[in-house]
Amino acid sequence: MNKYPSNDFNKETDDAVYFYTPPFYPLDNFSAFVVQLWGREFQTAEHAYQWKKYIDSYPNIAGQIFEATSPNMAIKIANENKDKVTKEWHDNKVAIMEEILIAKIEQHEKIRRVLLETGGRTIVENSPIDSFWGIGPDGTGNNELGKLYMKLRSRLVQ
């Protein structure tokens, strides 16, 4: 059953905000907002996430990710090495993503403003590929990134 009624990647409704809608694109991990975390300055949240995945076990791969010229390149390098990802990473990846999003929100007023502009609507990471962080190709994915943003939004409004 489709949890999220859209495979239109640029959709906004009264009940939901889909990440790829231009006004809300800053929430996307590929958006060009520098994130300072762990003593580093990352080009994007995607760079930070992929770098953290490898820094403890494969610092050479993490270095390539850090130097990647785009978030697409960062994720490409990570995907080429996905067989090296540890179980510990999978156990901690949601907490790590939350840490990255907190840094992004704290460091950029525009991100805070965009997040608050979502109001009480469901925030949907409308990825046609990723069924864990997004809703995947059939709309039944976990939407973990959207859930994290909604959790952090609730902290902002308190």
N, C-alpha and C. Protein backbone atom coordinates (compact mmCIF):
# COMPACT_ATOMS: atom_id res chain seq x y z
N MET A 1 0.84 -1.19 0.00
CA MET A 1 0.00 0.00 0.00
C MET A 1 0.88 1.25 0.00
N ASN A 2 0.59 2.17 -0.85
CA ASN A 2 1.34 3.40 -0.99
C ASN A 2 1.06 4.34 0.19
N LYS A 3 2.07 4.56 1.03
CA LYS A 3 1.91 5.44 2.20
C LYS A 3 1.83 6.90 1.79
N TYR A 4 2.54 7.24 0.74
CA TYR A 4 2.65 8.63 0.30
C TYR A 4 2.10 8.73 -1.11
N PRO A 5 1.03 9.47 -1.31
CA PRO A 5 0.29 9.44 -2.57
C PRO A 5 0.90 10.27 -3.69
N SER A 6 2.19 10.07 -3.96
CA SER A 6 2.78 10.83 -5.05
C SER A 6 4.02 10.15 -5.57
N ASN A 7 4.13 10.11 -6.87
CA ASN A 7 5.41 9.83 -7.48
C ASN A 7 5.79 11.01 -8.36
N ASP A 8 5.15 12.14 -8.10
CA ASP A 8 5.51 13.42 -8.71
C ASP A 8 6.54 14.04 -7.78
N PHE A 9 7.78 14.15 -8.25
CA PHE A 9 8.87 14.53 -7.37
C PHE A 9 8.89 16.01 -7.02
N ASN A 10 8.01 16.81 -7.58
CA ASN A 10 7.93 18.23 -7.27
C ASN A 10 6.55 18.58 -6.76
N LYS A 11 6.14 17.91 -5.70
CA LYS A 11 4.77 18.05 -5.23
C LYS A 11 4.72 18.70 -3.85
N GLU A 12 3.68 19.48 -3.65
CA GLU A 12 3.38 20.07 -2.35
C GLU A 12 1.87 20.01 -2.21
N THR A 13 1.40 19.53 -1.07
CA THR A 13 -0.04 19.45 -0.83
C THR A 13 -0.37 20.15 0.48
N ASP A 14 -1.65 20.19 0.81
CA ASP A 14 -2.06 20.76 2.09
C ASP A 14 -1.54 19.94 3.26
N ASP A 15 -1.30 18.65 3.02
CA ASP A 15 -0.89 17.74 4.09
C ASP A 15 0.59 17.40 4.10
N ALA A 16 1.27 17.60 2.96
CA ALA A 16 2.65 17.13 2.86
C ALA A 16 3.51 18.06 2.01
N VAL A 17 4.78 18.05 2.35
CA VAL A 17 5.81 18.75 1.59
C VAL A 17 6.76 17.69 1.07
N TYR A 18 6.97 17.67 -0.22
CA TYR A 18 7.88 16.72 -0.84
C TYR A 18 9.19 17.42 -1.12
N PHE A 19 10.29 16.81 -0.69
CA PHE A 19 11.61 17.42 -0.73
C PHE A 19 11.98 18.11 -2.02
N TYR A 20 11.62 17.55 -3.12
CA TYR A 20 12.11 18.09 -4.38
C TYR A 20 11.30 19.28 -4.86
N THR A 21 10.32 19.72 -4.07
CA THR A 21 9.60 20.94 -4.39
C THR A 21 10.58 22.09 -4.22
N PRO A 22 10.75 22.93 -5.24
CA PRO A 22 11.79 23.97 -5.16
C PRO A 22 11.84 24.78 -3.87
N PRO A 23 10.73 25.24 -3.29
CA PRO A 23 10.88 26.02 -2.06
C PRO A 23 11.49 25.22 -0.90
N PHE A 24 11.36 23.90 -0.95
CA PHE A 24 11.82 23.07 0.15
C PHE A 24 13.09 22.28 -0.19
N TYR A 25 13.66 22.53 -1.37
CA TYR A 25 14.88 21.83 -1.77
C TYR A 25 16.03 22.02 -0.78
N PRO A 26 16.15 23.15 -0.09
CA PRO A 26 17.25 23.28 0.87
C PRO A 26 17.31 22.15 1.91
N LEU A 27 16.21 21.47 2.15
CA LEU A 27 16.22 20.35 3.10
C LEU A 27 16.94 19.13 2.54
N ASP A 28 17.09 19.06 1.24
CA ASP A 28 17.74 17.93 0.60
C ASP A 28 19.22 17.88 0.99
N ASN A 29 19.75 16.69 1.18
CA ASN A 29 21.16 16.54 1.55
C ASN A 29 22.11 16.96 0.43
N PHE A 30 21.60 17.05 -0.79
CA PHE A 30 22.44 17.47 -1.91
C PHE A 30 22.47 18.99 -2.06
N SER A 31 21.62 19.70 -1.34
CA SER A 31 21.57 21.16 -1.48
C SER A 31 22.89 21.78 -0.99
N ALA A 32 23.26 22.87 -1.61
CA ALA A 32 24.59 23.48 -1.41
C ALA A 32 24.67 24.31 -0.14
N PHE A 33 24.58 23.65 1.00
CA PHE A 33 24.76 24.30 2.29
C PHE A 33 25.91 23.61 3.01
N VAL A 34 26.96 24.37 3.25
CA VAL A 34 28.13 23.84 3.95
C VAL A 34 27.73 23.41 5.35
N VAL A 35 28.27 22.27 5.79
CA VAL A 35 28.02 21.77 7.14
C VAL A 35 29.37 21.63 7.84
N GLN A 36 29.51 22.32 8.96
CA GLN A 36 30.72 22.21 9.78
C GLN A 36 30.43 21.24 10.92
N LEU A 37 31.23 20.17 10.95
CA LEU A 37 31.00 19.11 11.92
C LEU A 37 32.25 18.26 12.03
N TRP A 38 32.52 17.73 13.20
CA TRP A 38 33.66 16.83 13.42
C TRP A 38 34.98 17.47 13.00
N GLY A 39 35.10 18.77 13.21
CA GLY A 39 36.33 19.47 12.88
C GLY A 39 36.57 19.67 11.40
N ARG A 40 35.54 19.48 10.61
CA ARG A 40 35.65 19.61 9.15
C ARG A 40 34.57 20.53 8.62
N GLU A 41 34.79 20.99 7.39
CA GLU A 41 33.78 21.77 6.69
C GLU A 41 33.40 21.00 5.42
N PHE A 42 32.19 20.46 5.41
CA PHE A 42 31.71 19.64 4.30
C PHE A 42 30.91 20.49 3.32
N GLN A 43 31.06 20.21 2.04
CA GLN A 43 30.34 20.95 1.00
C GLN A 43 28.83 20.81 1.14
N THR A 44 28.38 19.63 1.54
CA THR A 44 26.95 19.35 1.67
C THR A 44 26.74 18.36 2.82
N ALA A 45 25.50 18.21 3.23
CA ALA A 45 25.16 17.19 4.23
C ALA A 45 25.46 15.80 3.69
N GLU A 46 25.27 15.60 2.39
CA GLU A 46 25.57 14.29 1.78
C GLU A 46 27.05 13.96 1.91
N HIS A 47 27.91 14.93 1.67
CA HIS A 47 29.35 14.71 1.86
C HIS A 47 29.64 14.27 3.30
N ALA A 48 29.04 14.96 4.26
CA ALA A 48 29.28 14.64 5.67
C ALA A 48 28.83 13.22 6.00
N TYR A 49 27.65 12.86 5.53
CA TYR A 49 27.10 11.54 5.82
C TYR A 49 27.97 10.44 5.22
N GLN A 50 28.31 10.58 3.95
CA GLN A 50 29.10 9.54 3.29
C GLN A 50 30.52 9.48 3.87
N TRP A 51 31.10 10.62 4.20
CA TRP A 51 32.43 10.66 4.81
C TRP A 51 32.42 9.91 6.14
N LYS A 52 31.42 10.19 6.97
CA LYS A 52 31.34 9.57 8.29
C LYS A 52 31.21 8.05 8.18
N LYS A 53 30.59 7.59 7.14
CA LYS A 53 30.39 6.16 6.91
C LYS A 53 31.73 5.41 6.84
N TYR A 54 32.78 6.07 6.34
CA TYR A 54 34.05 5.40 6.07
C TYR A 54 35.23 5.87 6.91
N ILE A 55 35.12 6.99 7.59
CA ILE A 55 36.31 7.59 8.22
C ILE A 55 36.99 6.67 9.23
N ASP A 56 36.26 5.91 10.01
CA ASP A 56 36.89 5.08 11.04
C ASP A 56 37.56 3.84 10.47
N SER A 57 36.98 3.24 9.43
CA SER A 57 37.50 1.99 8.89
C SER A 57 38.34 2.16 7.63
N TYR A 58 37.98 3.12 6.80
CA TYR A 58 38.64 3.32 5.51
C TYR A 58 38.88 4.81 5.28
N PRO A 59 39.85 5.39 5.99
CA PRO A 59 40.07 6.84 5.86
C PRO A 59 40.43 7.28 4.44
N ASN A 60 41.02 6.40 3.66
CA ASN A 60 41.34 6.77 2.27
C ASN A 60 40.06 6.98 1.46
N ILE A 61 39.07 6.15 1.67
CA ILE A 61 37.78 6.32 0.98
C ILE A 61 37.10 7.59 1.49
N ALA A 62 37.14 7.79 2.80
CA ALA A 62 36.56 9.01 3.38
C ALA A 62 37.22 10.25 2.78
N GLY A 63 38.52 10.20 2.58
CA GLY A 63 39.23 11.32 1.98
C GLY A 63 38.76 11.61 0.57
N GLN A 64 38.54 10.56 -0.21
CA GLN A 64 38.02 10.74 -1.58
C GLN A 64 36.63 11.37 -1.55
N ILE A 65 35.82 10.92 -0.62
CA ILE A 65 34.46 11.47 -0.48
C ILE A 65 34.53 12.94 -0.09
N PHE A 66 35.39 13.25 0.86
CA PHE A 66 35.53 14.64 1.32
C PHE A 66 35.93 15.56 0.16
N GLU A 67 36.79 15.07 -0.71
CA GLU A 67 37.29 15.87 -1.83
C GLU A 67 36.37 15.83 -3.05
N ALA A 68 35.34 15.02 -3.02
CA ALA A 68 34.43 14.90 -4.17
C ALA A 68 33.89 16.27 -4.57
N THR A 69 33.81 16.50 -5.86
CA THR A 69 33.42 17.82 -6.36
C THR A 69 31.91 18.06 -6.33
N SER A 70 31.14 17.04 -6.02
CA SER A 70 29.69 17.19 -5.95
C SER A 70 29.12 16.13 -5.02
N PRO A 71 27.90 16.33 -4.53
CA PRO A 71 27.29 15.28 -3.71
C PRO A 71 27.04 14.02 -4.53
N ASN A 72 26.78 14.17 -5.82
CA ASN A 72 26.61 12.99 -6.68
C ASN A 72 27.89 12.16 -6.70
N MET A 73 29.03 12.83 -6.80
CA MET A 73 30.31 12.12 -6.81
C MET A 73 30.57 11.49 -5.44
N ALA A 74 30.23 12.18 -4.36
CA ALA A 74 30.42 11.63 -3.01
C ALA A 74 29.64 10.33 -2.84
N ILE A 75 28.40 10.32 -3.28
CA ILE A 75 27.58 9.12 -3.13
C ILE A 75 28.04 8.02 -4.09
N LYS A 76 28.54 8.40 -5.24
CA LYS A 76 29.08 7.42 -6.20
C LYS A 76 30.27 6.69 -5.58
N ILE A 77 31.19 7.43 -4.97
CA ILE A 77 32.35 6.82 -4.32
C ILE A 77 31.88 5.90 -3.19
N ALA A 78 30.94 6.37 -2.40
CA ALA A 78 30.42 5.55 -1.29
C ALA A 78 29.78 4.27 -1.82
N ASN A 79 28.98 4.39 -2.87
CA ASN A 79 28.30 3.21 -3.42
C ASN A 79 29.27 2.21 -4.03
N GLU A 80 30.36 2.70 -4.58
CA GLU A 80 31.37 1.80 -5.13
C GLU A 80 32.07 0.99 -4.04
N ASN A 81 31.94 1.43 -2.80
CA ASN A 81 32.60 0.77 -1.67
C ASN A 81 31.62 0.25 -0.63
N LYS A 82 30.37 0.07 -1.02
CA LYS A 82 29.34 -0.30 -0.04
C LYS A 82 29.59 -1.65 0.63
N ASP A 83 30.39 -2.51 0.00
CA ASP A 83 30.72 -3.80 0.60
C ASP A 83 31.60 -3.64 1.85
N LYS A 84 32.17 -2.47 2.05
CA LYS A 84 33.05 -2.21 3.19
C LYS A 84 32.32 -1.58 4.39
N VAL A 85 31.06 -1.29 4.24
CA VAL A 85 30.30 -0.65 5.32
C VAL A 85 30.09 -1.65 6.46
N THR A 86 30.32 -1.19 7.68
CA THR A 86 30.23 -2.07 8.84
C THR A 86 28.80 -2.17 9.38
N LYS A 87 28.55 -3.23 10.13
CA LYS A 87 27.26 -3.38 10.80
C LYS A 87 27.05 -2.24 11.79
N GLU A 88 28.13 -1.83 12.45
CA GLU A 88 28.04 -0.72 13.41
C GLU A 88 27.50 0.54 12.72
N TRP A 89 27.92 0.77 11.48
CA TRP A 89 27.42 1.93 10.74
C TRP A 89 25.90 1.84 10.61
N HIS A 90 25.42 0.69 10.19
CA HIS A 90 23.97 0.53 10.00
C HIS A 90 23.21 0.72 11.31
N ASP A 91 23.83 0.32 12.41
CA ASP A 91 23.19 0.48 13.72
C ASP A 91 23.11 1.94 14.15
N ASN A 92 24.00 2.78 13.62
CA ASN A 92 24.12 4.16 14.09
C ASN A 92 23.77 5.21 13.05
N LYS A 93 23.42 4.82 11.84
CA LYS A 93 23.29 5.80 10.76
C LYS A 93 22.16 6.82 10.97
N VAL A 94 21.09 6.44 11.62
CA VAL A 94 20.01 7.41 11.86
C VAL A 94 20.48 8.47 12.85
N ALA A 95 21.16 8.06 13.91
CA ALA A 95 21.67 9.03 14.89
C ALA A 95 22.71 9.95 14.25
N ILE A 96 23.53 9.41 13.36
CA ILE A 96 24.53 10.22 12.68
C ILE A 96 23.85 11.22 11.75
N MET A 97 22.85 10.78 11.02
CA MET A 97 22.13 11.71 10.14
C MET A 97 21.47 12.80 10.97
N GLU A 98 20.92 12.45 12.11
CA GLU A 98 20.30 13.47 12.97
C GLU A 98 21.35 14.50 13.39
N GLU A 99 22.53 14.05 13.74
CA GLU A 99 23.61 14.96 14.13
C GLU A 99 23.96 15.92 12.98
N ILE A 100 24.00 15.39 11.77
CA ILE A 100 24.29 16.22 10.59
C ILE A 100 23.18 17.24 10.37
N LEU A 101 21.94 16.79 10.46
CA LEU A 101 20.81 17.71 10.24
C LEU A 101 20.75 18.80 11.31
N ILE A 102 21.04 18.44 12.54
CA ILE A 102 21.08 19.45 13.61
C ILE A 102 22.12 20.52 13.27
N ALA A 103 23.30 20.08 12.84
CA ALA A 103 24.35 21.04 12.48
C ALA A 103 23.89 21.92 11.32
N LYS A 104 23.29 21.32 10.32
CA LYS A 104 22.82 22.08 9.15
C LYS A 104 21.77 23.12 9.56
N ILE A 105 20.85 22.71 10.39
CA ILE A 105 19.79 23.61 10.85
C ILE A 105 20.37 24.74 11.71
N GLU A 106 21.26 24.40 12.62
CA GLU A 106 21.85 25.41 13.51
C GLU A 106 22.72 26.40 12.75
N GLN A 107 23.38 25.95 11.69
CA GLN A 107 24.34 26.79 10.98
C GLN A 107 23.74 27.63 9.86
N HIS A 108 22.49 27.36 9.51
CA HIS A 108 21.89 28.08 8.37
C HIS A 108 20.48 28.55 8.71
N GLU A 109 20.33 29.85 8.84
CA GLU A 109 19.02 30.43 9.13
C GLU A 109 18.01 30.06 8.06
N LYS A 110 18.45 29.99 6.81
CA LYS A 110 17.52 29.64 5.72
C LYS A 110 16.94 28.24 5.92
N ILE A 111 17.74 27.31 6.38
CA ILE A 111 17.25 25.95 6.63
C ILE A 111 16.20 25.98 7.74
N ARG A 112 16.49 26.71 8.80
CA ARG A 112 15.50 26.83 9.89
C ARG A 112 14.20 27.42 9.36
N ARG A 113 14.31 28.47 8.56
CA ARG A 113 13.11 29.13 8.03
C ARG A 113 12.32 28.18 7.13
N VAL A 114 13.02 27.49 6.23
CA VAL A 114 12.34 26.55 5.32
C VAL A 114 11.68 25.43 6.12
N LEU A 115 12.38 24.93 7.12
CA LEU A 115 11.82 23.86 7.94
C LEU A 115 10.55 24.33 8.65
N LEU A 116 10.59 25.52 9.20
CA LEU A 116 9.41 26.06 9.89
C LEU A 116 8.27 26.34 8.91
N GLU A 117 8.60 26.69 7.67
CA GLU A 117 7.57 26.95 6.66
C GLU A 117 6.79 25.70 6.27
N THR A 118 7.30 24.54 6.65
CA THR A 118 6.55 23.31 6.37
C THR A 118 5.32 23.20 7.27
N GLY A 119 5.28 24.03 8.32
CA GLY A 119 4.14 24.02 9.22
C GLY A 119 4.00 22.67 9.91
N GLY A 120 2.79 22.16 9.96
CA GLY A 120 2.54 20.86 10.57
C GLY A 120 2.45 19.74 9.55
N ARG A 121 2.83 20.06 8.31
CA ARG A 121 2.70 19.05 7.25
C ARG A 121 3.73 17.94 7.37
N THR A 122 3.40 16.80 6.82
CA THR A 122 4.33 15.69 6.72
C THR A 122 5.44 16.10 5.76
N ILE A 123 6.69 15.85 6.15
CA ILE A 123 7.83 16.13 5.29
C ILE A 123 8.25 14.81 4.66
N VAL A 124 8.24 14.77 3.33
CA VAL A 124 8.49 13.53 2.60
C VAL A 124 9.75 13.67 1.75
N GLU A 125 10.72 12.79 1.99
CA GLU A 125 11.91 12.71 1.13
C GLU A 125 11.50 11.85 -0.05
N ASN A 126 11.14 12.51 -1.13
CA ASN A 126 10.49 11.86 -2.27
C ASN A 126 11.51 11.23 -3.21
N SER A 127 12.37 10.40 -2.66
CA SER A 127 13.39 9.75 -3.48
C SER A 127 12.77 8.62 -4.28
N PRO A 128 13.03 8.59 -5.60
CA PRO A 128 12.54 7.49 -6.41
C PRO A 128 13.39 6.24 -6.25
N ILE A 129 14.49 6.35 -5.51
CA ILE A 129 15.45 5.24 -5.40
C ILE A 129 15.54 4.70 -3.98
N ASP A 130 15.64 5.59 -3.01
CA ASP A 130 15.97 5.22 -1.64
C ASP A 130 14.71 4.96 -0.82
N SER A 131 14.53 3.70 -0.42
CA SER A 131 13.35 3.32 0.37
C SER A 131 13.60 3.37 1.87
N PHE A 132 14.82 3.65 2.29
CA PHE A 132 15.08 3.82 3.71
C PHE A 132 14.96 5.30 4.09
N TRP A 133 15.77 6.15 3.52
CA TRP A 133 15.72 7.58 3.83
C TRP A 133 14.52 8.25 3.18
N GLY A 134 14.09 7.72 2.05
CA GLY A 134 12.97 8.30 1.31
C GLY A 134 11.82 7.33 1.20
N ILE A 135 10.95 7.62 0.22
CA ILE A 135 9.77 6.77 0.04
C ILE A 135 9.94 5.75 -1.07
N GLY A 136 11.06 5.81 -1.81
CA GLY A 136 11.32 4.82 -2.83
C GLY A 136 10.41 4.93 -4.03
N PRO A 137 10.58 4.00 -4.97
CA PRO A 137 9.86 4.09 -6.24
C PRO A 137 8.35 3.88 -6.14
N ASP A 138 7.91 3.15 -5.11
CA ASP A 138 6.47 2.85 -5.02
C ASP A 138 5.76 3.60 -3.90
N GLY A 139 6.47 4.50 -3.22
CA GLY A 139 5.85 5.31 -2.17
C GLY A 139 5.66 4.61 -0.84
N THR A 140 6.25 3.43 -0.67
CA THR A 140 6.06 2.68 0.57
C THR A 140 7.28 2.69 1.48
N GLY A 141 8.29 3.48 1.11
CA GLY A 141 9.53 3.50 1.89
C GLY A 141 9.36 4.10 3.28
N ASN A 142 10.43 4.02 4.07
CA ASN A 142 10.41 4.44 5.47
C ASN A 142 10.37 5.95 5.67
N ASN A 143 10.90 6.72 4.73
CA ASN A 143 10.94 8.18 4.85
C ASN A 143 11.67 8.63 6.12
N GLU A 144 12.78 7.97 6.45
CA GLU A 144 13.50 8.29 7.68
C GLU A 144 14.02 9.72 7.71
N LEU A 145 14.44 10.25 6.55
CA LEU A 145 14.93 11.63 6.52
C LEU A 145 13.79 12.60 6.82
N GLY A 146 12.65 12.36 6.23
CA GLY A 146 11.48 13.19 6.53
C GLY A 146 11.11 13.12 8.00
N LYS A 147 11.16 11.93 8.57
CA LYS A 147 10.83 11.76 10.00
C LYS A 147 11.80 12.54 10.88
N LEU A 148 13.09 12.50 10.53
CA LEU A 148 14.07 13.25 11.31
C LEU A 148 13.79 14.75 11.23
N TYR A 149 13.51 15.24 10.03
CA TYR A 149 13.21 16.67 9.91
C TYR A 149 11.96 17.05 10.70
N MET A 150 10.95 16.20 10.71
CA MET A 150 9.75 16.51 11.49
C MET A 150 10.06 16.52 12.99
N LYS A 151 10.89 15.61 13.45
CA LYS A 151 11.32 15.58 14.85
C LYS A 151 12.06 16.87 15.20
N LEU A 152 12.98 17.28 14.33
CA LEU A 152 13.76 18.49 14.60
C LEU A 152 12.91 19.74 14.48
N ARG A 153 11.94 19.72 13.58
CA ARG A 153 11.01 20.86 13.47
C ARG A 153 10.23 21.03 14.77
N SER A 154 9.80 19.92 15.35
CA SER A 154 9.03 20.02 16.60
C SER A 154 9.87 20.62 17.72
N ARG A 155 11.17 20.37 17.72
CA ARG A 155 12.06 20.99 18.71
C ARG A 155 12.18 22.49 18.48
N LEU A 156 12.19 22.90 17.21
CA LEU A 156 12.32 24.32 16.88
C LEU A 156 11.11 25.12 17.34
N VAL A 157 9.94 24.53 17.26
CA VAL A 157 8.72 25.28 17.58
C VAL A 157 8.40 25.28 19.07
N GLN A 158 9.12 24.51 19.84
CA GLN A 158 8.89 24.47 21.30
C GLN A 158 9.47 25.68 21.98
